[in-house]
Amino acid sequence: MSDIESIPNKALLSDIYIKNRANYEEALAKIIRDISKLLQRKGIHPTIKSRVKDFESYFAKKIKLLKSAWDEHRDPLPINDVLAMRIICPFLKDLDEVEATIAKHYDIVEIERKGQDRSFREFGYESIHVLIRIPDEILPLCGGLERNVIEIQLRTILQEAWAEVEHELVYKAEFTPFDEPLKRKLAALNATLTLSDIIFQEILDYQKKLNDALKKRREAFYGKIEQTSAQVFGITESLTNALPASVRLQETSGKTSPAERKSAEQNRWAGLDIDTLLLSALDAHNASDFKTAISIYTEILSRKPEAAIAAVVFKHRGMAYFAQSEYPDALADFTSCLMLDPDCYKALYYRGVVKSIQDELPQAIDDFTKALEIHPYHFFSRYRRALCWWQLGDYVQAHADCEIALRIKPENKLAQELQKKIQESIAKEEI
């Protein structure tokens, strides 16, 4: 399969999804009514939750499965949970009754028993996941699915309570190198559910603050990158005004001298653990206090953390340097990250951006190409490589990359603008 053929067309998939969504909801509602009647006859009165997966979640999962398949050199797995329901029962014995009832009346494709191989010292929810084949009578309502199945999850009330909180704390978390303290707390919680409210709230507050800080930091970073792209097109006024104030103010925030970065201010962080330091660094980073953020990132690195942690901190410190337009330092940190984690496609992308800003376009293309070898569905690497090709005058390569980028993010204004510029350049060559 060629590179472009493996890239999903988001706009086309969205049209198909929207067209079928009402039918999906009707089909799922009918299955729920039928199963509820069957269970009521058995004297079981569970709580049933259901949902049709929203398109953005569907497309994100599709990209994730394609990326995993790319890494493992295999065909991508299908998405099984577009139509999904959860049956929540008071007691464990009810689960056996529900499973037997479903097996008697529906064609079971697959059963997975999650969490049963864990010891009491490990955290994680237990759940029975049953895939049933969509009955023939409602199959006409289910066009466009990758697989004609419905996912049914079976849980007790306590398993459901545990799973709901774990989903927020673990599944959504993206900054995993610092999660060991959380894992210990969750393991203790699994053994003592009477402390669940207090401990879950404590962990949830921490995770929410961390994720919010990471989101703000990422938005500011990408905002500045978009600003540099807009400058290439000469449209800084229209796009830059939409950026957060913190991004626009960075240009006048001043540079941090080496002497300042090595000042005695670092002693303020000496007595704090890495988790606290990280949150403090992100708070400073998001407030555009890059001097303080860099100081704290440097303090973390001075403690010689394990390679996985050091790689992430180098990446974040590089982003802080980038925000101040200190490009040599940013370049050095992204390179340090890649020495510790060669498969970090984001660091390759970030380093490529710095090189492109420094007009080292062929070297930038090399980094974007390496990033795409790891994650061929990464929009930003694809778009930035297209921009570099266009700046070098290779309009054929630029057109190919931009077309693929717009398949992934058809709504992106900068990619749309680049496509127009490429088409104008090609037209001039043909005259």
Protein backbone atom coordinates (compact mmCIF):
# COMPACT_ATOMS: atom_id res chain seq x y z
CA MET A 1 0.00 0.00 0.00
CA SER A 2 1.41 3.43 -0.94
CA ASP A 3 1.97 6.16 1.61
CA ILE A 4 -1.00 8.26 0.51
CA GLU A 5 -3.38 5.28 0.27
CA SER A 6 -2.78 4.41 3.93
CA ILE A 7 -3.81 7.88 5.13
CA PRO A 8 -7.51 8.00 6.11
CA ASN A 9 -9.60 10.76 4.55
CA LYS A 10 -11.11 12.50 7.57
CA ALA A 11 -13.60 14.58 5.61
CA LEU A 12 -14.92 11.58 3.69
CA LEU A 13 -15.15 9.41 6.82
CA SER A 14 -16.93 12.23 8.66
CA ASP A 15 -19.57 12.47 5.94
CA ILE A 16 -20.21 8.71 6.10
CA TYR A 17 -20.32 8.78 9.89
CA ILE A 18 -22.75 11.71 10.10
CA LYS A 19 -24.99 10.10 7.50
CA ASN A 20 -25.26 6.88 9.53
CA ARG A 21 -25.23 8.17 13.10
CA ALA A 22 -29.01 8.38 13.57
CA ASN A 23 -29.35 4.80 12.33
CA TYR A 24 -26.60 3.67 14.73
CA GLU A 25 -28.48 5.23 17.65
CA GLU A 26 -31.71 3.55 16.57
CA ALA A 27 -30.01 0.16 16.30
CA LEU A 28 -28.36 0.52 19.71
CA ALA A 29 -31.62 1.59 21.35
CA LYS A 30 -33.37 -1.50 19.97
CA ILE A 31 -30.66 -3.85 21.30
CA ILE A 32 -30.89 -2.21 24.74
CA ARG A 33 -34.67 -2.64 24.85
CA ASP A 34 -34.40 -6.32 23.88
CA ILE A 35 -31.64 -7.11 26.40
CA SER A 36 -33.46 -5.24 29.19
CA LYS A 37 -36.57 -7.37 28.63
CA LEU A 38 -34.52 -10.58 28.65
CA LEU A 39 -32.80 -9.64 31.94
CA GLN A 40 -36.02 -8.52 33.62
CA ARG A 41 -37.48 -11.93 32.95
CA LYS A 42 -34.51 -13.33 34.90
CA GLY A 43 -35.20 -10.97 37.78
CA ILE A 44 -32.13 -8.87 37.03
CA HIS A 45 -32.61 -5.11 36.99
CA PRO A 46 -29.24 -3.60 36.05
CA THR A 47 -28.27 -0.09 35.11
CA ILE A 48 -27.55 0.12 31.39
CA LYS A 49 -25.44 2.87 29.87
CA SER A 50 -24.85 3.24 26.14
CA ARG A 51 -23.28 5.49 23.58
CA VAL A 52 -22.50 5.79 19.88
CA LYS A 53 -18.86 6.80 19.63
CA ASP A 54 -18.52 10.41 18.49
CA PHE A 55 -16.65 10.93 15.24
CA GLU A 56 -13.62 12.76 16.68
CA SER A 57 -13.02 9.89 19.13
CA TYR A 58 -13.51 7.40 16.32
CA PHE A 59 -10.99 9.13 14.06
CA ALA A 60 -8.45 9.56 16.88
CA LYS A 61 -8.69 5.85 17.66
CA LYS A 62 -8.32 5.00 13.97
CA ILE A 63 -5.10 7.03 13.77
CA LYS A 64 -3.85 5.32 16.95
CA LEU A 65 -4.56 1.83 15.57
CA LEU A 66 -2.92 2.74 12.25
CA LYS A 67 0.16 3.98 14.13
CA SER A 68 0.36 0.74 16.17
CA ALA A 69 0.02 -1.33 13.02
CA TRP A 70 2.76 0.72 11.36
CA ASP A 71 5.10 0.16 14.33
CA GLU A 72 4.43 -3.59 14.41
CA HIS A 73 4.41 -4.10 10.61
CA ARG A 74 0.93 -5.64 10.52
CA ASP A 75 -2.55 -4.85 9.26
CA PRO A 76 -4.48 -2.39 11.45
CA LEU A 77 -7.08 -3.72 13.87
CA PRO A 78 -10.72 -2.77 13.26
CA ILE A 79 -12.67 -0.49 15.61
CA ASN A 80 -15.15 -2.64 17.54
CA ASP A 81 -16.79 -0.13 19.86
CA VAL A 82 -18.63 2.34 17.64
CA LEU A 83 -21.81 0.92 19.18
CA ALA A 84 -21.27 0.16 22.86
CA MET A 85 -23.26 -0.48 26.01
CA ARG A 86 -22.41 -1.21 29.63
CA ILE A 87 -24.50 -3.40 31.93
CA ILE A 88 -23.87 -2.60 35.61
CA CYS A 89 -25.07 -5.11 38.21
CA PRO A 90 -25.09 -5.03 42.04
CA PHE A 91 -23.30 -8.37 42.58
CA LEU A 92 -20.71 -10.59 40.92
CA LYS A 93 -23.14 -13.46 40.52
CA ASP A 94 -25.41 -11.27 38.41
CA LEU A 95 -22.61 -10.98 35.85
CA ASP A 96 -22.69 -14.73 35.23
CA GLU A 97 -26.45 -14.60 34.69
CA VAL A 98 -26.18 -11.67 32.28
CA GLU A 99 -23.36 -13.30 30.32
CA ALA A 100 -25.29 -16.57 30.01
CA THR A 101 -28.43 -14.75 28.88
CA ILE A 102 -26.56 -12.82 26.20
CA ALA A 103 -24.80 -15.98 25.01
CA LYS A 104 -28.16 -17.77 24.72
CA HIS A 105 -29.86 -15.09 22.59
CA TYR A 106 -27.01 -13.53 20.58
CA ASP A 107 -24.07 -14.68 18.46
CA ILE A 108 -20.95 -14.01 20.55
CA VAL A 109 -17.87 -13.11 18.51
CA GLU A 110 -15.41 -12.63 21.36
CA ILE A 111 -15.20 -12.49 25.16
CA GLU A 112 -12.39 -10.75 27.06
CA ARG A 113 -12.08 -10.85 30.85
CA LYS A 114 -10.04 -7.79 31.79
CA GLY A 115 -8.14 -7.57 35.05
CA GLN A 116 -8.58 -11.14 36.27
CA ASP A 117 -4.86 -11.88 36.06
CA ARG A 118 -3.91 -9.02 38.42
CA SER A 119 -2.87 -9.61 42.01
CA PHE A 120 -4.43 -7.67 44.90
CA ARG A 121 -1.32 -5.45 44.91
CA GLU A 122 -2.05 -4.18 41.40
CA PHE A 123 -4.62 -1.54 40.49
CA GLY A 124 -6.98 -1.74 37.56
CA TYR A 125 -10.64 -2.46 37.00
CA GLU A 126 -12.12 -5.86 36.27
CA SER A 127 -14.63 -6.08 33.47
CA ILE A 128 -16.07 -8.61 31.03
CA HIS A 129 -16.10 -7.35 27.45
CA VAL A 130 -18.44 -9.21 25.11
CA LEU A 131 -18.60 -8.60 21.37
CA ILE A 132 -21.90 -9.71 19.85
CA ARG A 133 -22.71 -9.90 16.16
CA ILE A 134 -25.35 -7.36 15.13
CA PRO A 135 -28.63 -9.25 14.56
CA ASP A 136 -29.78 -9.53 10.96
CA GLU A 137 -32.98 -7.58 11.58
CA ILE A 138 -31.12 -4.38 12.50
CA LEU A 139 -28.08 -4.87 10.26
CA PRO A 140 -29.52 -2.52 7.58
CA LEU A 141 -29.22 0.31 10.14
CA CYS A 142 -25.50 -0.29 10.62
CA GLY A 143 -23.92 0.61 7.30
CA GLY A 144 -20.36 1.95 7.27
CA LEU A 145 -19.07 0.04 10.31
CA GLU A 146 -15.64 -1.56 10.06
CA ARG A 147 -17.01 -4.61 11.84
CA ASN A 148 -20.66 -5.56 12.40
CA VAL A 149 -20.43 -5.96 16.16
CA ILE A 150 -21.63 -4.27 19.35
CA GLU A 151 -19.42 -4.11 22.43
CA ILE A 152 -21.11 -4.95 25.75
CA GLN A 153 -19.20 -4.41 29.01
CA LEU A 154 -20.35 -6.23 32.16
CA ARG A 155 -19.38 -4.81 35.58
CA THR A 156 -20.52 -4.68 39.17
CA ILE A 157 -21.33 -1.31 40.73
CA LEU A 158 -17.95 -1.22 42.50
CA GLN A 159 -16.07 -2.20 39.35
CA GLU A 160 -17.90 0.56 37.52
CA ALA A 161 -17.04 3.13 40.20
CA TRP A 162 -13.39 2.07 40.08
CA ALA A 163 -13.28 2.10 36.27
CA GLU A 164 -14.85 5.57 36.00
CA VAL A 165 -12.14 7.12 38.17
CA GLU A 166 -9.31 5.06 36.66
CA HIS A 167 -10.35 6.26 33.20
CA GLU A 168 -9.72 9.87 34.27
CA LEU A 169 -6.48 9.18 36.13
CA VAL A 170 -4.70 6.64 33.97
CA TYR A 171 -6.22 6.22 30.51
CA LYS A 172 -6.35 9.96 29.71
CA ALA A 173 -2.96 10.73 31.24
CA GLU A 174 -0.23 11.59 28.73
CA PHE A 175 2.66 12.40 31.09
CA THR A 176 3.34 8.86 32.30
CA PRO A 177 7.04 8.95 33.37
CA PHE A 178 6.05 10.52 36.69
CA ASP A 179 3.17 8.19 37.56
CA GLU A 180 4.88 5.81 40.04
CA PRO A 181 3.56 7.65 43.15
CA LEU A 182 0.08 7.51 41.62
CA LYS A 183 0.41 3.79 40.94
CA ARG A 184 1.31 3.12 44.58
CA LYS A 185 -1.69 5.12 45.77
CA LEU A 186 -4.01 3.32 43.39
CA ALA A 187 -2.72 -0.07 44.54
CA ALA A 188 -3.41 0.88 48.16
CA LEU A 189 -6.84 2.09 47.17
CA ASN A 190 -7.63 -1.24 45.54
CA ALA A 191 -7.06 -2.93 48.90
CA THR A 192 -8.96 -0.37 50.96
CA LEU A 193 -12.01 0.90 49.09
CA THR A 194 -13.26 2.69 52.20
CA LEU A 195 -10.61 5.36 51.48
CA SER A 196 -11.67 5.64 47.82
CA ASP A 197 -13.36 9.04 47.93
CA ILE A 198 -10.41 10.80 49.58
CA ILE A 199 -7.63 9.15 47.59
CA PHE A 200 -9.36 9.29 44.21
CA GLN A 201 -10.09 13.01 44.67
CA GLU A 202 -6.45 13.67 45.62
CA ILE A 203 -5.16 11.87 42.54
CA LEU A 204 -7.81 13.36 40.27
CA ASP A 205 -6.90 16.90 41.37
CA TYR A 206 -3.23 16.22 40.66
CA GLN A 207 -3.91 14.66 37.26
CA LYS A 208 -6.29 17.40 36.22
CA LYS A 209 -3.82 20.12 37.13
CA LEU A 210 -1.03 18.33 35.27
CA ASN A 211 -3.10 17.71 32.15
CA ASP A 212 -4.44 21.28 32.14
CA ALA A 213 -0.91 22.64 32.46
CA LEU A 214 0.34 20.40 29.66
CA LYS A 215 -2.54 21.43 27.43
CA LYS A 216 -1.87 25.14 27.93
CA ARG A 217 1.86 24.66 27.38
CA ARG A 218 1.24 22.68 24.18
CA GLU A 219 -1.25 25.25 22.82
CA ALA A 220 1.17 28.10 23.44
CA PHE A 221 4.02 26.20 21.77
CA TYR A 222 2.01 25.30 18.69
CA GLY A 223 0.69 28.85 18.62
CA LYS A 224 4.17 30.22 18.17
CA ILE A 225 4.91 27.63 15.47
CA GLU A 226 1.76 28.71 13.62
CA GLN A 227 2.91 32.29 13.99
CA THR A 228 6.17 31.50 12.18
CA SER A 229 4.24 29.72 9.42
CA ALA A 230 1.93 32.68 9.00
CA GLN A 231 4.93 34.98 8.65
CA VAL A 232 6.15 32.91 5.71
CA PHE A 233 2.87 33.63 3.91
CA GLY A 234 2.80 37.28 4.92
CA ILE A 235 -0.53 36.87 6.77
CA THR A 236 0.63 37.44 10.34
CA GLU A 237 -2.13 39.94 11.15
CA SER A 238 -5.08 37.65 10.44
CA LEU A 239 -3.76 34.54 12.17
CA THR A 240 -1.60 35.96 14.95
CA ASN A 241 -4.43 37.95 16.51
CA ALA A 242 -6.22 34.68 17.27
CA LEU A 243 -3.30 33.35 19.33
CA PRO A 244 -3.31 33.42 23.14
CA ALA A 245 -1.92 36.59 24.70
CA SER A 246 0.93 34.66 26.27
CA VAL A 247 2.15 33.62 22.81
CA ARG A 248 2.03 37.17 21.42
CA LEU A 249 3.82 38.59 24.44
CA GLN A 250 6.70 36.15 24.21
CA GLU A 251 8.38 38.25 21.55
CA THR A 252 8.93 41.08 24.03
CA SER A 253 9.56 39.03 27.15
CA GLY A 254 13.34 39.24 26.78
CA LYS A 255 16.00 36.55 26.69
CA THR A 256 17.42 34.66 29.62
CA SER A 257 21.18 34.98 29.99
CA PRO A 258 23.33 31.97 30.99
CA ALA A 259 24.31 33.77 34.16
CA GLU A 260 20.67 34.22 35.17
CA ARG A 261 19.92 30.56 34.47
CA LYS A 262 22.76 29.49 36.79
CA SER A 263 21.87 31.93 39.56
CA ALA A 264 21.21 31.05 43.18
CA GLU A 265 17.46 31.06 42.45
CA GLN A 266 17.79 27.32 41.71
CA ASN A 267 18.31 26.68 45.42
CA ARG A 268 14.59 27.39 45.91
CA TRP A 269 13.81 24.00 44.35
CA ALA A 270 16.36 21.87 46.19
CA GLY A 271 13.96 20.41 48.78
CA LEU A 272 11.11 19.52 46.43
CA ASP A 273 10.37 16.17 44.75
CA ILE A 274 10.24 15.75 40.98
CA ASP A 275 6.42 15.72 40.80
CA THR A 276 6.21 19.07 42.58
CA LEU A 277 9.04 20.48 40.50
CA LEU A 278 7.32 19.41 37.29
CA LEU A 279 4.03 21.09 38.23
CA SER A 280 5.90 24.25 39.26
CA ALA A 281 7.80 24.27 35.97
CA LEU A 282 4.61 23.85 33.95
CA ASP A 283 2.88 26.60 35.92
CA ALA A 284 5.78 28.95 35.20
CA HIS A 285 5.92 27.81 31.56
CA ASN A 286 2.20 28.49 31.04
CA ALA A 287 2.55 31.91 32.68
CA SER A 288 5.31 32.76 30.14
CA ASP A 289 7.83 32.91 33.00
CA PHE A 290 10.35 30.99 30.92
CA LYS A 291 13.34 31.95 33.06
CA THR A 292 11.80 30.19 36.07
CA ALA A 293 10.57 27.23 34.01
CA ILE A 294 14.04 26.68 32.54
CA SER A 295 15.57 26.95 36.01
CA ILE A 296 13.28 24.23 37.36
CA TYR A 297 13.73 21.94 34.34
CA THR A 298 17.49 22.34 34.84
CA GLU A 299 17.13 21.45 38.53
CA ILE A 300 15.29 18.24 37.60
CA LEU A 301 18.01 17.30 35.11
CA SER A 302 20.74 18.03 37.68
CA ARG A 303 19.32 15.18 39.79
CA LYS A 304 20.22 12.75 36.98
CA PRO A 305 16.77 11.13 36.64
CA GLU A 306 16.30 7.93 34.62
CA ALA A 307 16.56 8.22 30.85
CA ALA A 308 12.80 8.25 30.17
CA ILE A 309 12.25 11.15 32.59
CA ALA A 310 15.31 13.07 31.39
CA ALA A 311 14.17 12.77 27.76
CA VAL A 312 10.79 14.31 28.55
CA VAL A 313 12.31 17.14 30.58
CA PHE A 314 14.83 17.93 27.84
CA LYS A 315 11.90 18.14 25.41
CA HIS A 316 9.98 20.55 27.65
CA ARG A 317 13.01 22.71 28.38
CA GLY A 318 13.64 22.87 24.64
CA MET A 319 10.09 24.14 24.18
CA ALA A 320 10.71 26.85 26.79
CA TYR A 321 13.87 27.93 25.00
CA PHE A 322 11.95 27.94 21.71
CA ALA A 323 9.26 30.18 23.22
CA GLN A 324 12.00 32.75 23.92
CA SER A 325 13.45 32.36 20.41
CA GLU A 326 16.64 30.90 21.92
CA TYR A 327 16.94 28.50 19.04
CA PRO A 328 20.48 27.08 19.60
CA ASP A 329 19.56 26.04 23.15
CA ALA A 330 16.24 24.62 21.97
CA LEU A 331 18.04 22.67 19.24
CA ALA A 332 20.52 21.26 21.77
CA ASP A 333 17.74 20.12 24.12
CA PHE A 334 15.68 18.44 21.40
CA THR A 335 18.85 16.65 20.27
CA SER A 336 19.52 15.54 23.87
CA CYS A 337 15.98 14.20 24.07
CA LEU A 338 16.53 12.19 20.88
CA MET A 339 19.81 10.76 22.18
CA LEU A 340 17.85 9.30 25.10
CA ASP A 341 14.68 8.48 23.14
CA PRO A 342 15.44 8.07 19.40
CA ASP A 343 11.79 7.18 18.65
CA CYS A 344 10.39 10.46 19.98
CA TYR A 345 8.79 11.75 16.79
CA LYS A 346 7.66 14.94 18.52
CA ALA A 347 11.27 15.86 19.37
CA LEU A 348 12.20 15.23 15.72
CA TYR A 349 9.33 17.46 14.67
CA TYR A 350 10.30 20.20 17.14
CA ARG A 351 13.95 20.04 16.04
CA GLY A 352 12.84 20.23 12.42
CA VAL A 353 10.82 23.36 13.18
CA VAL A 354 13.87 25.02 14.74
CA LYS A 355 16.03 24.11 11.75
CA SER A 356 13.41 25.45 9.34
CA ILE A 357 13.29 28.75 11.23
CA GLN A 358 17.08 28.93 10.94
CA ASP A 359 16.73 28.41 7.16
CA GLU A 360 18.34 24.97 7.33
CA LEU A 361 15.58 23.60 5.13
CA PRO A 362 17.19 20.35 3.86
CA GLN A 363 18.16 19.41 7.44
CA ALA A 364 14.64 20.26 8.61
CA ILE A 365 13.19 18.01 5.92
CA ASP A 366 15.43 15.18 7.18
CA ASP A 367 13.98 15.54 10.68
CA PHE A 368 10.39 15.72 9.46
CA THR A 369 11.01 12.64 7.31
CA LYS A 370 12.37 10.70 10.29
CA ALA A 371 9.35 11.79 12.36
CA LEU A 372 7.02 10.55 9.62
CA GLU A 373 8.85 7.22 9.44
CA ILE A 374 7.87 6.75 13.10
CA HIS A 375 4.39 8.30 12.84
CA PRO A 376 3.26 8.70 9.21
CA TYR A 377 -0.10 10.11 10.35
CA HIS A 378 1.40 13.10 12.21
CA PHE A 379 -0.22 16.13 10.57
CA PHE A 380 2.27 18.74 11.75
CA SER A 381 5.37 16.93 10.46
CA ARG A 382 3.64 16.41 7.13
CA TYR A 383 2.56 20.04 6.89
CA ARG A 384 5.94 21.48 7.91
CA ARG A 385 7.76 19.24 5.41
CA ALA A 386 5.40 20.49 2.70
CA LEU A 387 6.20 24.07 3.70
CA CYS A 388 9.94 23.38 3.46
CA TRP A 389 9.57 21.77 0.02
CA TRP A 390 7.60 24.82 -1.15
CA GLN A 391 10.25 27.22 0.18
CA LEU A 392 12.92 25.21 -1.67
CA GLY A 393 10.90 25.38 -4.89
CA ASP A 394 10.09 21.66 -5.09
CA TYR A 395 6.39 22.14 -5.73
CA VAL A 396 5.70 18.51 -6.66
CA GLN A 397 6.93 17.23 -3.28
CA ALA A 398 5.20 20.13 -1.53
CA HIS A 399 1.89 19.35 -3.25
CA ALA A 400 2.08 15.65 -2.34
CA ASP A 401 2.76 16.36 1.35
CA CYS A 402 0.17 19.13 1.60
CA GLU A 403 -2.49 16.94 0.03
CA ILE A 404 -1.85 14.22 2.62
CA ALA A 405 -1.81 16.77 5.46
CA LEU A 406 -5.22 18.06 4.40
CA ARG A 407 -6.62 14.53 4.34
CA ILE A 408 -5.86 14.37 8.06
CA LYS A 409 -6.83 17.94 9.01
CA PRO A 410 -8.95 19.38 6.19
CA GLU A 411 -10.01 22.28 8.41
CA ASN A 412 -6.46 23.59 9.07
CA LYS A 413 -6.22 27.18 7.78
CA LEU A 414 -2.44 27.23 7.34
CA ALA A 415 -2.45 24.01 5.32
CA GLN A 416 -5.24 25.44 3.17
CA GLU A 417 -3.20 28.60 2.64
CA LEU A 418 -0.12 26.56 1.75
CA GLN A 419 -2.10 24.54 -0.76
CA LYS A 420 -3.15 27.77 -2.50
CA LYS A 421 0.45 29.01 -2.57
CA ILE A 422 1.67 25.73 -4.05
CA GLN A 423 -1.01 25.78 -6.73
CA GLU A 424 -0.09 29.38 -7.60
CA SER A 425 3.58 28.41 -7.86
CA ILE A 426 2.82 25.42 -10.10
CA ALA A 427 0.64 27.60 -12.33
CA LYS A 428 3.46 30.16 -12.75
CA GLU A 429 5.89 27.41 -13.77
CA GLU A 430 3.47 26.19 -16.43
CA ILE A 431 3.15 29.60 -18.06
